[in-house]
Each structure stands twice: as structure tokens, then as C-alpha cells.
Protein backbone atom coordinates (compact mmCIF):
# COMPACT_ATOMS: atom_id res chain seq x y z
CA MET A 1 16.77 1.84 -14.22
CA SER A 2 12.96 2.93 -13.78
CA THR A 3 11.54 6.65 -12.56
CA ASN A 4 8.28 4.28 -11.97
CA PRO A 5 7.82 4.72 -8.31
CA MET A 6 5.96 1.15 -8.51
CA GLU A 7 9.52 -0.93 -9.71
CA THR A 8 11.96 1.82 -8.07
CA HIS A 9 13.55 -0.19 -5.30
CA GLY A 10 13.60 2.43 -2.06
CA ALA A 11 10.64 5.04 -3.83
CA PHE A 12 7.21 5.31 -1.91
CA CYS A 13 5.07 3.82 -4.40
CA TRP A 14 1.54 3.47 -2.57
CA VAL A 15 -0.58 5.17 -0.09
CA GLU A 16 -3.56 3.70 1.82
CA PHE A 17 -6.67 5.04 4.23
CA GLN A 18 -7.14 2.16 6.75
CA GLY A 19 -9.91 2.75 9.24
CA PRO A 20 -13.20 2.26 10.63
CA ASP A 21 -15.74 3.70 7.47
CA ALA A 22 -13.53 3.56 4.31
CA ASN A 23 -16.35 4.45 2.30
CA ALA A 24 -17.01 7.74 4.46
CA ALA A 25 -13.56 8.70 4.36
CA ARG A 26 -13.90 8.14 0.43
CA ALA A 27 -16.58 10.75 0.25
CA PHE A 28 -14.41 13.26 2.20
CA TYR A 29 -11.25 13.41 0.59
CA GLU A 30 -13.22 13.11 -2.90
CA LYS A 31 -15.24 16.28 -1.66
CA VAL A 32 -12.35 18.31 0.08
CA VAL A 33 -9.28 17.51 -2.66
CA GLY A 34 -11.26 16.51 -5.04
CA TRP A 35 -9.68 13.04 -5.87
CA SER A 36 -11.37 11.12 -8.58
CA ILE A 37 -11.63 7.02 -6.53
CA ALA A 38 -11.97 4.51 -9.60
CA ASP A 39 -12.82 1.09 -8.52
CA MET A 40 -9.92 -1.30 -9.46
CA PRO A 41 -10.91 -4.94 -9.77
CA LEU A 42 -9.16 -7.74 -8.02
CA PRO A 43 -9.41 -11.65 -7.15
CA ASP A 44 -11.68 -11.08 -4.16
CA GLY A 45 -13.67 -7.75 -5.13
CA ASN A 46 -13.11 -4.06 -6.23
CA TYR A 47 -10.43 -1.73 -4.51
CA PRO A 48 -11.56 2.27 -4.57
CA GLY A 49 -8.21 3.08 -5.82
CA ILE A 50 -6.89 7.22 -5.78
CA MET A 51 -6.36 8.66 -9.25
CA VAL A 52 -4.41 11.35 -10.54
CA GLY A 53 -4.52 11.48 -14.41
CA ASP A 54 -5.28 7.94 -15.73
CA ALA A 55 -2.82 6.10 -13.00
CA PRO A 56 -3.27 5.08 -9.28
CA VAL A 57 -1.87 6.06 -6.31
CA GLY A 58 -2.56 4.52 -3.41
CA GLY A 59 -6.31 3.78 -2.56
CA PHE A 60 -8.91 3.12 0.04
CA SER A 61 -8.74 -0.29 2.23
CA PRO A 62 -12.21 -2.36 1.76
CA LYS A 63 -11.23 -4.49 5.36
CA PRO A 64 -12.03 -2.75 8.01
CA ALA A 65 -9.26 -1.41 11.00
CA PRO A 66 -9.86 -0.32 14.61
CA THR A 67 -8.47 3.02 14.08
CA ALA A 68 -7.79 5.47 10.94
CA SER A 69 -4.64 5.60 9.50
CA TRP A 70 -2.61 6.23 5.94
CA LEU A 71 -0.15 3.46 5.35
CA ALA A 72 3.02 4.48 2.91
CA TYR A 73 4.01 1.79 0.72
CA ILE A 74 7.71 1.28 -0.38
CA ASN A 75 8.62 -0.67 -3.12
CA VAL A 76 11.73 -2.79 -2.49
CA ASP A 77 13.88 -5.50 -4.01
CA ASP A 78 13.34 -8.31 -2.43
CA VAL A 79 9.98 -8.28 0.29
CA ASP A 80 11.28 -10.95 2.47
CA ALA A 81 14.78 -10.25 2.49
CA ARG A 82 14.13 -6.70 3.74
CA THR A 83 11.63 -7.34 6.58
CA GLU A 84 14.57 -9.67 7.97
CA ALA A 85 17.05 -7.00 7.67
CA ALA A 86 14.06 -4.26 9.02
CA ARG A 87 13.34 -7.50 11.94
CA ASP A 88 17.23 -7.25 12.74
CA ALA A 89 17.37 -3.58 12.97
CA GLY A 90 14.69 -3.54 15.60
CA ALA A 91 11.24 -3.16 13.62
CA THR A 92 8.26 -4.86 14.66
CA ILE A 93 6.47 -7.11 12.11
CA VAL A 94 3.25 -6.40 12.07
CA ALA A 95 2.12 -8.36 9.14
CA GLU A 96 4.66 -10.74 7.70
CA PRO A 97 5.22 -11.22 3.90
CA PHE A 98 2.57 -12.44 2.14
CA ASP A 99 0.94 -12.73 -1.59
CA ALA A 100 -1.86 -10.45 -2.85
CA PRO A 101 -2.73 -12.34 -5.51
CA GLY A 102 -3.30 -10.11 -9.01
CA VAL A 103 -1.21 -7.44 -7.28
CA GLY A 104 2.10 -8.28 -5.56
CA ARG A 105 4.08 -9.73 -2.13
CA MET A 106 3.99 -6.84 0.84
CA ALA A 107 4.96 -6.93 4.50
CA VAL A 108 3.95 -4.35 7.39
CA LEU A 109 6.16 -3.20 9.70
CA GLN A 110 6.64 -0.89 12.69
CA ASP A 111 9.86 0.67 12.59
CA PRO A 112 11.56 1.30 15.93
CA PHE A 113 10.48 4.63 16.59
CA GLY A 114 7.12 3.79 16.19
CA ALA A 115 5.83 4.20 12.60
CA HIS A 116 4.13 1.74 10.47
CA ILE A 117 5.49 1.02 7.03
CA ALA A 118 4.98 -1.41 4.56
CA PHE A 119 7.28 -3.12 1.99
CA PHE A 120 6.29 -3.78 -1.88
CA LYS A 121 6.76 -5.56 -4.77
CA GLY A 122 4.71 -5.91 -7.25
CA GLU A 123 3.74 -8.64 -9.66
CA ALA A 124 5.45 -9.03 -13.40
CA ARG A 125 3.10 -7.24 -15.79
CA PRO A 126 2.56 -9.58 -18.91
CA ALA A 127 4.73 -7.67 -21.72
């Protein structure tokens, strides 16, 4: 079994800032926390990734959101099945399972207590 959170079912594997001004948030956290931010190439543009050493651990969504928040991602074995289980247990699905080319499959939900969370399963990487 892998201990890599990006490959371990149930592990928090990513955190993402979402808000109206990701560039200002990026500058704030670079200054206050000392984060190193690296542009990660994706098929539809660059994604500003939060780096810890050589590994990305999160990022800043390039898509504006009306209010600012952090969204935590949990690695799961099957995004679709876990989303249905969450729905059956009382969650509201905010974003049905979808594929992000070059990244993986994900869904966003609001649990029955009001918190938002995302399920994630990364694309298989070539050996």
C-alpha cells in the first residue's frame, strides 16, 4: 500500500484556494507563509501550485469564485461510487463527477453538516 496521499484512499491529498482574486491571495500567502508557487502546465493553461520542497500540495484555482474559501480534496478509490454513497448519506452534490484532462476525476459535495469537500482520483501516470 502506498503512503503517498495522492494514491491512498481516504487521505487528504490536495487543498485549493477558490475566490474572486486568486492572484492577490497567492501574493498574500507567498509573503505571509513563505510559500513557493510554481506554475504547473495543464492542457488548458497553467495552474499555480503550492510547493513544499519539490512536491505540489495544493494550488490557487484560476477560475474566479464569488467568495473566498479553501477546498480540501480526499483521494478515493472510485469517485463515482463514493459520490453516490455521499448522496445516499445526505450530501448535496455541488459538482457531479467530472474528468479534468491531465489531472484526474473529481466531484465536489456539501456534507450534511454544511462543509464542502472534494473527492479525487488521479489519472494513472506512465511508469
